[in-house]
Amino acid sequence: MKIMKVGVIGLGIGEKHVLAYNSHPYCKVVGLCDFDPDKYEMAKKKYDAKVVMNADEILYDPDIDIVSIASYDNYHCEQALKAIANEKHIMVEKPFCLYKEQAIQIKEALQSNPGIKMSSNLVLRTTPRFRWLKDKITGGSMGQLYYVEGDYNYGRLHKLTQGWRGKIDFYSVVYGGGLHIIDLLRWLTGDEVVEVSAYGNNISSRGTNFRYNDLVIAILRFASGMTGKVAANFSCVQPHFHELSIYGTMATFKNRSEEGLLIESRDPDIPAKNIDEDYPGINQKAMIHSFVDSITTGSKALVIEDDVFRSMAVCFAIEKAVQLSRSVEVEYF
């Protein structure tokens, strides 16, 4: 089978992409890019690959088959469009763009190049505890779901106030973090969000150079009638954690840092079952390998293009609802 040659743009989280690709039997990372001089010098010493500071040298390289885009959020759309135009498969860090118009552009580009595959790094789907939960839901033992809630508690306010997120023209905590929870809820339940209401504030980051909401909370209405709540809480004083509660007519699941809890009775004398499957247990390698296999063997990736567009459509609706202070229907495109 042909060895797929890979380029990686952005060597923050992108370094994890490099490790994942190089561990796949039919991949080899041949190009790396970062405009930070320190990362550029590090990569030259650490990796056996072409190292550049201009992303176009990766995006226009005719020998590269796959590009991972792990640059700052404001570069994702432009780089994705160039990759597609140059017939390269793309794994894009979330969010894959910042505006609905950009998402439509990318979708149209993919439709014009049907041989190109795209995925995004929505890695909560690889968490063993959440995979166990999906099996429980799918198997019917939770009963009918009627309420779900998840909080993306980032716990790293300094990354907003001191890092690149506070310097680019627009940053959304919904797109940068809440997206993970939205995608997780869509994947777990198999249900689609049809309407949202949302509010946000910047109390924690007020007076800093970060100009946008550091907290956004949204209420979701699903097609089935199920209700949900999602929070993107980047300012919380606690370690990074994915708060999750799933309520069904036959059982309730709650995620805790040490273990999950499965509650199957309203009787206070009947204890909850401890669920000790790994959390977060995020498997970057599994996500990347699944994407590569979808290219080389035609198998279904863990995150397909439709998932990326649908989860992002919910995010766009949430940001719109925050701006308008009213409920907004989700517009899938």
C-alpha atoms as a PDB file:
ATOM      1  CA  MET A   1       0.000   0.000   0.000  1.00  0.00           C
ATOM      2  CA  LYS A   2       1.184   3.522  -0.781  1.00  0.00           C
ATOM      3  CA  ILE A   3       2.885   5.421   2.048  1.00  0.00           C
ATOM      4  CA  MET A   4       0.938   8.626   2.691  1.00  0.00           C
ATOM      5  CA  LYS A   5       3.240  11.619   3.046  1.00  0.00           C
ATOM      6  CA  VAL A   6       2.115  14.098   5.688  1.00  0.00           C
ATOM      7  CA  GLY A   7       2.716  17.762   6.474  1.00  0.00           C
ATOM      8  CA  VAL A   8       1.871  19.317   9.848  1.00  0.00           C
ATOM      9  CA  ILE A   9       1.296  23.063  10.258  1.00  0.00           C
ATOM     10  CA  GLY A  10       1.641  24.343  13.826  1.00  0.00           C
ATOM     11  CA  LEU A  11       3.832  22.615  16.385  1.00  0.00           C
ATOM     12  CA  GLY A  12       1.873  23.127  19.588  1.00  0.00           C
ATOM     13  CA  ILE A  13      -0.815  20.433  19.596  1.00  0.00           C
ATOM     14  CA  GLY A  14       0.540  19.615  16.145  1.00  0.00           C
ATOM     15  CA  GLU A  15       3.417  17.697  17.729  1.00  0.00           C
ATOM     16  CA  LYS A  16       0.889  15.116  18.917  1.00  0.00           C
ATOM     17  CA  HIS A  17      -0.298  14.814  15.328  1.00  0.00           C
ATOM     18  CA  VAL A  18       3.284  14.121  14.249  1.00  0.00           C
ATOM     19  CA  LEU A  19       3.613  11.252  16.735  1.00  0.00           C
ATOM     20  CA  ALA A  20       0.271   9.789  15.682  1.00  0.00           C
ATOM     21  CA  TYR A  21       1.016   9.877  11.952  1.00  0.00           C
ATOM     22  CA  ASN A  22       4.506   8.435  12.366  1.00  0.00           C
ATOM     23  CA  SER A  23       3.071   5.522  14.367  1.00  0.00           C
ATOM     24  CA  HIS A  24       0.750   4.572  11.472  1.00  0.00           C
ATOM     25  CA  PRO A  25       2.255   1.862   9.231  1.00  0.00           C
ATOM     26  CA  TYR A  26       1.311   3.694   6.022  1.00  0.00           C
ATOM     27  CA  CYS A  27       2.265   7.261   6.977  1.00  0.00           C
ATOM     28  CA  LYS A  28       5.408   9.337   7.144  1.00  0.00           C
ATOM     29  CA  VAL A  29       5.621  12.969   8.230  1.00  0.00           C
ATOM     30  CA  VAL A  30       7.832  14.682   5.651  1.00  0.00           C
ATOM     31  CA  GLY A  31       7.049  18.374   6.274  1.00  0.00           C
ATOM     32  CA  LEU A  32       6.658  20.589   9.348  1.00  0.00           C
ATOM     33  CA  CYS A  33       5.819  24.270   9.678  1.00  0.00           C
ATOM     34  CA  ASP A  34       5.820  26.817  12.483  1.00  0.00           C
ATOM     35  CA  PHE A  35       6.519  30.535  12.247  1.00  0.00           C
ATOM     36  CA  ASP A  36       7.760  30.701  15.842  1.00  0.00           C
ATOM     37  CA  PRO A  37      11.587  30.747  15.652  1.00  0.00           C
ATOM     38  CA  ASP A  38      12.011  28.593  18.763  1.00  0.00           C
ATOM     39  CA  LYS A  39       9.641  25.885  17.512  1.00  0.00           C
ATOM     40  CA  TYR A  40      11.225  26.064  14.077  1.00  0.00           C
ATOM     41  CA  GLU A  41      14.683  25.437  15.541  1.00  0.00           C
ATOM     42  CA  MET A  42      13.348  22.705  17.827  1.00  0.00           C
ATOM     43  CA  ALA A  43      11.755  20.881  14.909  1.00  0.00           C
ATOM     44  CA  LYS A  44      14.908  21.053  12.802  1.00  0.00           C
ATOM     45  CA  LYS A  45      16.847  19.325  15.562  1.00  0.00           C
ATOM     46  CA  LYS A  46      14.154  16.838  16.595  1.00  0.00           C
ATOM     47  CA  TYR A  47      12.583  15.560  13.369  1.00  0.00           C
ATOM     48  CA  ASP A  48      13.754  13.981  10.151  1.00  0.00           C
ATOM     49  CA  ALA A  49      11.569  16.132   7.903  1.00  0.00           C
ATOM     50  CA  LYS A  50      11.560  19.342   5.908  1.00  0.00           C
ATOM     51  CA  VAL A  51      10.994  22.205   8.357  1.00  0.00           C
ATOM     52  CA  VAL A  52       9.686  25.567   7.121  1.00  0.00           C
ATOM     53  CA  MET A  53       8.228  28.801   8.493  1.00  0.00           C
ATOM     54  CA  ASN A  54       5.815  29.481   5.609  1.00  0.00           C
ATOM     55  CA  ALA A  55       2.737  27.226   5.524  1.00  0.00           C
ATOM     56  CA  ASP A  56       2.465  27.542   1.745  1.00  0.00           C
ATOM     57  CA  GLU A  57       5.596  25.393   1.431  1.00  0.00           C
ATOM     58  CA  ILE A  58       3.546  22.569   2.945  1.00  0.00           C
ATOM     59  CA  LEU A  59       0.232  23.362   1.273  1.00  0.00           C
ATOM     60  CA  TYR A  60       1.694  23.597  -2.239  1.00  0.00           C
ATOM     61  CA  ASP A  61       4.164  20.701  -1.926  1.00  0.00           C
ATOM     62  CA  PRO A  62       3.103  18.177  -4.631  1.00  0.00           C
ATOM     63  CA  ASP A  63       4.606  15.262  -2.677  1.00  0.00           C
ATOM     64  CA  ILE A  64       2.402  15.752   0.408  1.00  0.00           C
ATOM     65  CA  ASP A  65      -0.868  13.776   0.535  1.00  0.00           C
ATOM     66  CA  ILE A  66      -2.265  14.772   3.959  1.00  0.00           C
ATOM     67  CA  VAL A  67      -2.020  18.040   5.877  1.00  0.00           C
ATOM     68  CA  SER A  68      -2.761  18.508   9.576  1.00  0.00           C
ATOM     69  CA  ILE A  69      -3.714  22.112  10.272  1.00  0.00           C
ATOM     70  CA  ALA A  70      -2.875  22.923  13.897  1.00  0.00           C
ATOM     71  CA  SER A  71      -2.161  26.620  13.486  1.00  0.00           C
ATOM     72  CA  TYR A  72      -3.975  29.464  15.261  1.00  0.00           C
ATOM     73  CA  ASP A  73      -7.737  29.449  14.669  1.00  0.00           C
ATOM     74  CA  ASN A  74      -7.713  32.485  12.376  1.00  0.00           C
ATOM     75  CA  TYR A  75      -5.517  30.644   9.826  1.00  0.00           C
ATOM     76  CA  HIS A  76      -7.593  27.458   9.599  1.00  0.00           C
ATOM     77  CA  CYS A  77      -9.982  28.451   6.818  1.00  0.00           C
ATOM     78  CA  GLU A  78      -7.379  29.886   4.449  1.00  0.00           C
ATOM     79  CA  GLN A  79      -5.066  26.916   4.938  1.00  0.00           C
ATOM     80  CA  ALA A  80      -7.896  24.391   4.559  1.00  0.00           C
ATOM     81  CA  LEU A  81      -9.012  25.961   1.271  1.00  0.00           C
ATOM     82  CA  LYS A  82      -5.460  25.921  -0.090  1.00  0.00           C
ATOM     83  CA  ALA A  83      -5.023  22.277   0.947  1.00  0.00           C
ATOM     84  CA  ILE A  84      -8.256  21.241  -0.769  1.00  0.00           C
ATOM     85  CA  ALA A  85      -7.347  23.188  -3.919  1.00  0.00           C
ATOM     86  CA  ASN A  86      -4.031  21.316  -3.967  1.00  0.00           C
ATOM     87  CA  GLU A  87      -5.788  17.935  -3.530  1.00  0.00           C
ATOM     88  CA  LYS A  88      -4.615  17.217  -0.004  1.00  0.00           C
ATOM     89  CA  HIS A  89      -6.674  15.465   2.642  1.00  0.00           C
ATOM     90  CA  ILE A  90      -6.973  17.587   5.779  1.00  0.00           C
ATOM     91  CA  MET A  91      -7.188  16.995   9.521  1.00  0.00           C
ATOM     92  CA  VAL A  92      -8.083  20.406  10.992  1.00  0.00           C
ATOM     93  CA  GLU A  93      -7.833  21.280  14.661  1.00  0.00           C
ATOM     94  CA  LYS A  94     -11.094  22.625  16.034  1.00  0.00           C
ATOM     95  CA  PRO A  95     -12.619  24.955  15.133  1.00  0.00           C
ATOM     96  CA  PHE A  96     -12.045  24.419  11.431  1.00  0.00           C
ATOM     97  CA  CYS A  97     -13.134  28.028  10.790  1.00  0.00           C
ATOM     98  CA  LEU A  98     -14.450  31.101  12.621  1.00  0.00           C
ATOM     99  CA  TYR A  99     -17.414  32.226  10.503  1.00  0.00           C
ATOM    100  CA  LYS A 100     -20.387  30.546   8.857  1.00  0.00           C
ATOM    101  CA  GLU A 101     -19.422  32.027   5.480  1.00  0.00           C
ATOM    102  CA  GLN A 102     -16.028  30.309   5.783  1.00  0.00           C
ATOM    103  CA  ALA A 103     -17.682  26.980   6.598  1.00  0.00           C
ATOM    104  CA  ILE A 104     -19.818  27.268   3.462  1.00  0.00           C
ATOM    105  CA  GLN A 105     -16.699  28.029   1.407  1.00  0.00           C
ATOM    106  CA  ILE A 106     -14.956  24.938   2.740  1.00  0.00           C
ATOM    107  CA  LYS A 107     -17.997  22.741   2.145  1.00  0.00           C
ATOM    108  CA  GLU A 108     -18.306  23.968  -1.435  1.00  0.00           C
ATOM    109  CA  ALA A 109     -14.596  23.346  -1.997  1.00  0.00           C
ATOM    110  CA  LEU A 110     -14.973  19.777  -0.737  1.00  0.00           C
ATOM    111  CA  GLN A 111     -18.008  19.215  -2.943  1.00  0.00           C
ATOM    112  CA  SER A 112     -15.933  20.369  -5.930  1.00  0.00           C
ATOM    113  CA  ASN A 113     -13.177  17.919  -4.921  1.00  0.00           C
ATOM    114  CA  PRO A 114     -15.084  14.773  -3.881  1.00  0.00           C
ATOM    115  CA  GLY A 115     -11.937  12.680  -3.540  1.00  0.00           C
ATOM    116  CA  ILE A 116     -10.662  14.827  -0.659  1.00  0.00           C
ATOM    117  CA  LYS A 117     -11.445  13.811   2.917  1.00  0.00           C
ATOM    118  CA  MET A 118     -11.610  16.146   5.916  1.00  0.00           C
ATOM    119  CA  SER A 119     -11.867  15.487   9.633  1.00  0.00           C
ATOM    120  CA  SER A 120     -11.358  17.433  12.851  1.00  0.00           C
ATOM    121  CA  ASN A 121      -9.807  16.643  16.201  1.00  0.00           C
ATOM    122  CA  LEU A 122     -12.986  16.033  18.226  1.00  0.00           C
ATOM    123  CA  VAL A 123     -11.177  13.654  20.541  1.00  0.00           C
ATOM    124  CA  LEU A 124     -13.756  13.183  23.314  1.00  0.00           C
ATOM    125  CA  ARG A 125     -15.194  10.453  21.102  1.00  0.00           C
ATOM    126  CA  THR A 126     -12.103   8.398  21.966  1.00  0.00           C
ATOM    127  CA  THR A 127     -12.527   8.645  25.774  1.00  0.00           C
ATOM    128  CA  PRO A 128     -13.126   5.086  27.098  1.00  0.00           C
ATOM    129  CA  ARG A 129     -15.679   6.242  29.680  1.00  0.00           C
ATOM    130  CA  PHE A 130     -17.725   8.088  27.063  1.00  0.00           C
ATOM    131  CA  ARG A 131     -17.491   5.153  24.658  1.00  0.00           C
ATOM    132  CA  TRP A 132     -18.878   2.925  27.442  1.00  0.00           C
ATOM    133  CA  LEU A 133     -21.683   5.454  27.952  1.00  0.00           C
ATOM    134  CA  LYS A 134     -22.538   5.502  24.246  1.00  0.00           C
ATOM    135  CA  ASP A 135     -22.926   1.713  24.319  1.00  0.00           C
ATOM    136  CA  LYS A 136     -25.282   2.013  27.316  1.00  0.00           C
ATOM    137  CA  ILE A 137     -27.403   4.638  25.555  1.00  0.00           C
ATOM    138  CA  THR A 138     -27.467   2.766  22.247  1.00  0.00           C
ATOM    139  CA  GLY A 139     -28.340  -0.472  24.026  1.00  0.00           C
ATOM    140  CA  GLY A 140     -31.423   1.132  25.575  1.00  0.00           C
ATOM    141  CA  SER A 141     -30.589   0.588  29.252  1.00  0.00           C
ATOM    142  CA  MET A 142     -30.730   4.327  29.975  1.00  0.00           C
ATOM    143  CA  GLY A 143     -34.298   4.454  28.683  1.00  0.00           C
ATOM    144  CA  GLN A 144     -35.408   7.475  26.673  1.00  0.00           C
ATOM    145  CA  LEU A 145     -33.117  10.451  27.139  1.00  0.00           C
ATOM    146  CA  TYR A 146     -34.883  13.664  28.143  1.00  0.00           C
ATOM    147  CA  TYR A 147     -32.137  15.967  29.469  1.00  0.00           C
ATOM    148  CA  VAL A 148     -28.386  16.198  28.851  1.00  0.00           C
ATOM    149  CA  GLU A 149     -25.852  18.715  30.049  1.00  0.00           C
ATOM    150  CA  GLY A 150     -22.151  19.234  29.640  1.00  0.00           C
ATOM    151  CA  ASP A 151     -19.669  21.873  30.764  1.00  0.00           C
ATOM    152  CA  TYR A 152     -16.313  22.448  29.115  1.00  0.00           C
ATOM    153  CA  ASN A 153     -14.472  23.716  32.185  1.00  0.00           C
ATOM    154  CA  TYR A 154     -11.176  24.891  30.745  1.00  0.00           C
ATOM    155  CA  GLY A 155      -9.529  26.241  33.879  1.00  0.00           C
ATOM    156  CA  ARG A 156      -6.812  28.057  31.913  1.00  0.00           C
ATOM    157  CA  LEU A 157      -7.820  31.705  31.866  1.00  0.00           C
ATOM    158  CA  HIS A 158      -4.224  32.765  31.239  1.00  0.00           C
ATOM    159  CA  LYS A 159      -4.395  31.251  27.761  1.00  0.00           C
ATOM    160  CA  LEU A 160      -7.047  33.832  26.906  1.00  0.00           C
ATOM    161  CA  THR A 161      -5.434  36.821  28.578  1.00  0.00           C
ATOM    162  CA  GLN A 162      -1.762  36.098  27.844  1.00  0.00           C
ATOM    163  CA  GLY A 163      -1.672  33.917  24.729  1.00  0.00           C
ATOM    164  CA  TRP A 164      -2.594  34.153  21.056  1.00  0.00           C
ATOM    165  CA  ARG A 165      -6.336  33.819  21.727  1.00  0.00           C
ATOM    166  CA  GLY A 166      -6.420  37.389  23.003  1.00  0.00           C
ATOM    167  CA  LYS A 167      -4.481  38.726  20.032  1.00  0.00           C
ATOM    168  CA  ILE A 168      -6.404  37.470  17.004  1.00  0.00           C
ATOM    169  CA  ASP A 169      -9.329  39.407  15.515  1.00  0.00           C
ATOM    170  CA  PHE A 170     -11.968  37.067  16.947  1.00  0.00           C
ATOM    171  CA  TYR A 171     -11.977  34.187  19.400  1.00  0.00           C
ATOM    172  CA  SER A 172     -14.948  32.178  20.644  1.00  0.00           C
ATOM    173  CA  VAL A 173     -14.844  29.941  23.711  1.00  0.00           C
ATOM    174  CA  VAL A 174     -17.823  28.128  22.179  1.00  0.00           C
ATOM    175  CA  TYR A 175     -15.818  27.265  19.057  1.00  0.00           C
ATOM    176  CA  GLY A 176     -12.592  26.617  20.971  1.00  0.00           C
ATOM    177  CA  GLY A 177     -14.023  24.469  23.775  1.00  0.00           C
ATOM    178  CA  GLY A 178     -17.819  24.203  23.834  1.00  0.00           C
ATOM    179  CA  LEU A 179     -17.612  22.508  20.436  1.00  0.00           C
ATOM    180  CA  HIS A 180     -16.133  19.434  22.137  1.00  0.00           C
ATOM    181  CA  ILE A 181     -19.197  19.080  24.383  1.00  0.00           C
ATOM    182  CA  ILE A 182     -21.667  19.787  21.577  1.00  0.00           C
ATOM    183  CA  ASP A 183     -20.069  17.128  19.405  1.00  0.00           C
ATOM    184  CA  LEU A 184     -19.952  14.697  22.339  1.00  0.00           C
ATOM    185  CA  LEU A 185     -23.679  15.156  23.039  1.00  0.00           C
ATOM    186  CA  ARG A 186     -24.593  14.755  19.361  1.00  0.00           C
ATOM    187  CA  TRP A 187     -22.485  11.588  19.137  1.00  0.00           C
ATOM    188  CA  LEU A 188     -23.721  10.070  22.404  1.00  0.00           C
ATOM    189  CA  THR A 189     -27.405  10.674  21.777  1.00  0.00           C
ATOM    190  CA  GLY A 190     -27.684  10.448  17.990  1.00  0.00           C
ATOM    191  CA  ASP A 191     -29.952  13.493  18.237  1.00  0.00           C
ATOM    192  CA  GLU A 192     -29.685  16.868  16.517  1.00  0.00           C
ATOM    193  CA  VAL A 193     -30.007  20.348  18.026  1.00  0.00           C
ATOM    194  CA  VAL A 194     -32.713  22.436  16.333  1.00  0.00           C
ATOM    195  CA  GLU A 195     -32.841  25.594  18.462  1.00  0.00           C
ATOM    196  CA  VAL A 196     -30.643  27.374  21.023  1.00  0.00           C
ATOM    197  CA  SER A 197     -30.748  30.233  23.495  1.00  0.00           C
ATOM    198  CA  ALA A 198     -27.511  31.551  24.978  1.00  0.00           C
ATOM    199  CA  TYR A 199     -25.871  34.154  27.190  1.00  0.00           C
ATOM    200  CA  GLY A 200     -22.288  35.037  28.007  1.00  0.00           C
ATOM    201  CA  ASN A 201     -20.077  37.331  30.058  1.00  0.00           C
ATOM    202  CA  ASN A 202     -16.460  38.353  30.499  1.00  0.00           C
ATOM    203  CA  ILE A 203     -16.427  39.122  34.217  1.00  0.00           C
ATOM    204  CA  SER A 204     -13.290  37.064  34.893  1.00  0.00           C
ATOM    205  CA  SER A 205     -11.213  38.543  32.065  1.00  0.00           C
ATOM    206  CA  ARG A 206     -12.512  42.110  32.272  1.00  0.00           C
ATOM    207  CA  GLY A 207      -9.693  44.645  32.194  1.00  0.00           C
ATOM    208  CA  THR A 208      -7.346  42.362  30.246  1.00  0.00           C
ATOM    209  CA  ASN A 209      -6.515  42.360  26.547  1.00  0.00           C
ATOM    210  CA  PHE A 210      -9.075  39.571  25.936  1.00  0.00           C
ATOM    211  CA  ARG A 211     -12.106  41.266  24.355  1.00  0.00           C
ATOM    212  CA  TYR A 212     -14.672  38.457  24.145  1.00  0.00           C
ATOM    213  CA  ASN A 213     -16.795  36.334  26.462  1.00  0.00           C
ATOM    214  CA  ASP A 214     -14.833  33.896  28.592  1.00  0.00           C
ATOM    215  CA  LEU A 215     -18.078  32.185  29.639  1.00  0.00           C
ATOM    216  CA  VAL A 216     -20.999  31.201  27.421  1.00  0.00           C
ATOM    217  CA  ILE A 217     -23.939  29.063  28.484  1.00  0.00           C
ATOM    218  CA  ALA A 218     -26.545  27.707  26.064  1.00  0.00           C
ATOM    219  CA  ILE A 219     -29.883  25.926  26.346  1.00  0.00           C
ATOM    220  CA  LEU A 220     -30.512  23.442  23.537  1.00  0.00           C
ATOM    221  CA  ARG A 221     -33.698  21.999  22.062  1.00  0.00           C
ATOM    222  CA  PHE A 222     -33.196  18.708  20.230  1.00  0.00           C
ATOM    223  CA  ALA A 223     -35.256  17.241  17.398  1.00  0.00           C
ATOM    224  CA  SER A 224     -36.576  14.461  19.657  1.00  0.00           C
ATOM    225  CA  GLY A 225     -37.881  16.947  22.227  1.00  0.00           C
ATOM    226  CA  MET A 226     -34.920  16.342  24.534  1.00  0.00           C
ATOM    227  CA  THR A 227     -33.511  19.420  26.266  1.00  0.00           C
ATOM    228  CA  GLY A 228     -29.853  20.185  26.898  1.00  0.00           C
ATOM    229  CA  LYS A 229     -27.433  22.669  28.415  1.00  0.00           C
ATOM    230  CA  VAL A 230     -23.856  23.393  27.376  1.00  0.00           C
ATOM    231  CA  ALA A 231     -21.363  25.744  29.009  1.00  0.00           C
ATOM    232  CA  ALA A 232     -17.988  26.888  27.723  1.00  0.00           C
ATOM    233  CA  ASN A 233     -16.370  28.054  30.952  1.00  0.00           C
ATOM    234  CA  PHE A 234     -12.800  29.125  30.299  1.00  0.00           C
ATOM    235  CA  SER A 235     -12.453  31.207  33.469  1.00  0.00           C
ATOM    236  CA  CYS A 236     -13.307  28.635  36.143  1.00  0.00           C
ATOM    237  CA  VAL A 237     -11.003  28.219  39.142  1.00  0.00           C
ATOM    238  CA  GLN A 238     -10.528  24.464  38.822  1.00  0.00           C
ATOM    239  CA  PRO A 239      -8.506  22.059  36.692  1.00  0.00           C
ATOM    240  CA  HIS A 240      -9.602  21.275  33.130  1.00  0.00           C
ATOM    241  CA  PHE A 241     -12.618  18.952  33.285  1.00  0.00           C
ATOM    242  CA  HIS A 242     -15.569  17.811  31.163  1.00  0.00           C
ATOM    243  CA  GLU A 243     -18.652  17.927  33.362  1.00  0.00           C
ATOM    244  CA  LEU A 244     -21.336  15.628  31.935  1.00  0.00           C
ATOM    245  CA  SER A 245     -24.766  14.482  33.092  1.00  0.00           C
ATOM    246  CA  ILE A 246     -27.113  12.315  31.024  1.00  0.00           C
ATOM    247  CA  TYR A 247     -30.684  11.795  32.241  1.00  0.00           C
ATOM    248  CA  GLY A 248     -32.805   8.958  30.881  1.00  0.00           C
ATOM    249  CA  THR A 249     -36.142   7.549  31.978  1.00  0.00           C
ATOM    250  CA  MET A 250     -34.375   4.451  33.358  1.00  0.00           C
ATOM    251  CA  ALA A 251     -30.971   5.713  34.538  1.00  0.00           C
ATOM    252  CA  THR A 252     -28.740   8.735  35.109  1.00  0.00           C
ATOM    253  CA  PHE A 253     -25.028   9.055  34.358  1.00  0.00           C
ATOM    254  CA  LYS A 254     -22.740  11.644  35.912  1.00  0.00           C
ATOM    255  CA  ASN A 255     -19.093  12.139  35.091  1.00  0.00           C
ATOM    256  CA  ARG A 256     -16.685  12.722  37.965  1.00  0.00           C
ATOM    257  CA  SER A 257     -12.925  13.166  37.766  1.00  0.00           C
ATOM    258  CA  GLU A 258     -12.210   9.929  39.660  1.00  0.00           C
ATOM    259  CA  GLU A 259     -15.006   7.806  38.204  1.00  0.00           C
ATOM    260  CA  GLY A 260     -18.363   7.920  36.514  1.00  0.00           C
ATOM    261  CA  LEU A 261     -21.598   7.264  38.392  1.00  0.00           C
ATOM    262  CA  LEU A 262     -24.491   5.232  36.993  1.00  0.00           C
ATOM    263  CA  ILE A 263     -27.664   5.751  39.031  1.00  0.00           C
ATOM    264  CA  GLU A 264     -30.432   3.236  38.301  1.00  0.00           C
ATOM    265  CA  SER A 265     -32.833   3.844  41.178  1.00  0.00           C
ATOM    266  CA  ARG A 266     -34.587   6.737  42.919  1.00  0.00           C
ATOM    267  CA  ASP A 267     -34.218   4.867  46.224  1.00  0.00           C
ATOM    268  CA  PRO A 268     -31.536   6.648  48.309  1.00  0.00           C
ATOM    269  CA  ASP A 269     -30.570   3.324  49.910  1.00  0.00           C
ATOM    270  CA  ILE A 270     -29.511   1.832  46.560  1.00  0.00           C
ATOM    271  CA  PRO A 271     -26.016   3.112  45.765  1.00  0.00           C
ATOM    272  CA  ALA A 272     -24.854   4.295  42.381  1.00  0.00           C
ATOM    273  CA  LYS A 273     -22.557   2.049  40.373  1.00  0.00           C
ATOM    274  CA  ASN A 274     -19.007   3.283  39.965  1.00  0.00           C
ATOM    275  CA  ILE A 275     -17.842   3.368  36.348  1.00  0.00           C
ATOM    276  CA  ASP A 276     -14.057   3.232  36.272  1.00  0.00           C
ATOM    277  CA  GLU A 277     -13.357   3.262  32.560  1.00  0.00           C
ATOM    278  CA  ASP A 278     -10.531   5.688  31.800  1.00  0.00           C
ATOM    279  CA  TYR A 279     -11.163   9.414  31.726  1.00  0.00           C
ATOM    280  CA  PRO A 280     -10.102  11.493  29.956  1.00  0.00           C
ATOM    281  CA  GLY A 281      -8.045   8.785  28.236  1.00  0.00           C
ATOM    282  CA  ILE A 282      -8.018  10.842  25.040  1.00  0.00           C
ATOM    283  CA  ASN A 283      -6.434   8.882  22.216  1.00  0.00           C
ATOM    284  CA  GLN A 284      -4.986  11.221  19.623  1.00  0.00           C
ATOM    285  CA  LYS A 285      -3.436   8.257  17.838  1.00  0.00           C
ATOM    286  CA  ALA A 286      -6.803   6.521  17.402  1.00  0.00           C
ATOM    287  CA  MET A 287      -8.343   9.695  15.973  1.00  0.00           C
ATOM    288  CA  ILE A 288      -5.531  10.238  13.466  1.00  0.00           C
ATOM    289  CA  HIS A 289      -5.278   6.558  12.514  1.00  0.00           C
ATOM    290  CA  SER A 290      -9.033   6.415  11.913  1.00  0.00           C
ATOM    291  CA  PHE A 291      -8.722   9.380   9.550  1.00  0.00           C
ATOM    292  CA  VAL A 292      -5.792   7.843   7.662  1.00  0.00           C
ATOM    293  CA  ASP A 293      -7.596   4.496   7.375  1.00  0.00           C
ATOM    294  CA  SER A 294     -10.631   6.260   5.882  1.00  0.00           C
ATOM    295  CA  ILE A 295      -8.320   7.486   3.119  1.00  0.00           C
ATOM    296  CA  THR A 296      -6.341   4.303   2.528  1.00  0.00           C
ATOM    297  CA  THR A 297      -9.063   1.665   2.995  1.00  0.00           C
ATOM    298  CA  GLY A 298     -12.341   3.561   2.640  1.00  0.00           C
ATOM    299  CA  SER A 299     -13.409   2.797   6.219  1.00  0.00           C
ATOM    300  CA  LYS A 300     -15.542   5.285   8.152  1.00  0.00           C
ATOM    301  CA  ALA A 301     -13.558   7.789  10.226  1.00  0.00           C
ATOM    302  CA  LEU A 302     -14.438   8.424  13.875  1.00  0.00           C
ATOM    303  CA  VAL A 303     -15.321  11.983  12.834  1.00  0.00           C
ATOM    304  CA  ILE A 304     -16.635  12.412   9.307  1.00  0.00           C
ATOM    305  CA  GLU A 305     -17.119  15.680   7.417  1.00  0.00           C
ATOM    306  CA  ASP A 306     -20.830  15.844   8.203  1.00  0.00           C
ATOM    307  CA  ASP A 307     -20.072  15.664  11.938  1.00  0.00           C
ATOM    308  CA  VAL A 308     -17.674  18.588  11.637  1.00  0.00           C
ATOM    309  CA  PHE A 309     -20.167  20.781   9.800  1.00  0.00           C
ATOM    310  CA  ARG A 310     -23.168  19.861  11.963  1.00  0.00           C
ATOM    311  CA  SER A 311     -21.434  20.396  15.301  1.00  0.00           C
ATOM    312  CA  MET A 312     -20.059  23.715  14.081  1.00  0.00           C
ATOM    313  CA  ALA A 313     -23.514  24.802  12.874  1.00  0.00           C
ATOM    314  CA  VAL A 314     -24.744  24.502  16.469  1.00  0.00           C
ATOM    315  CA  CYS A 315     -21.809  26.649  17.603  1.00  0.00           C
ATOM    316  CA  PHE A 316     -22.636  29.330  15.052  1.00  0.00           C
ATOM    317  CA  ALA A 317     -26.235  29.391  16.321  1.00  0.00           C
ATOM    318  CA  ILE A 318     -25.064  29.744  19.939  1.00  0.00           C
ATOM    319  CA  GLU A 319     -22.823  32.720  19.145  1.00  0.00           C
ATOM    320  CA  LYS A 320     -25.676  34.310  17.181  1.00  0.00           C
ATOM    321  CA  ALA A 321     -28.059  33.773  20.109  1.00  0.00           C
ATOM    322  CA  VAL A 322     -25.581  35.457  22.468  1.00  0.00           C
ATOM    323  CA  GLN A 323     -25.325  38.479  20.174  1.00  0.00           C
ATOM    324  CA  LEU A 324     -29.087  38.781  19.628  1.00  0.00           C
ATOM    325  CA  SER A 325     -30.179  37.830  23.187  1.00  0.00           C
ATOM    326  CA  ARG A 326     -32.912  35.585  21.831  1.00  0.00           C
ATOM    327  CA  SER A 327     -33.457  32.012  20.711  1.00  0.00           C
ATOM    328  CA  VAL A 328     -32.059  31.025  17.315  1.00  0.00           C
ATOM    329  CA  GLU A 329     -32.808  28.084  15.045  1.00  0.00           C
ATOM    330  CA  VAL A 330     -29.799  26.029  13.991  1.00  0.00           C
ATOM    331  CA  GLU A 331     -29.137  26.411  10.261  1.00  0.00           C
ATOM    332  CA  TYR A 332     -27.456  23.300   8.880  1.00  0.00           C
ATOM    333  CA  PHE A 333     -25.642  23.870   5.610  1.00  0.00           C
END
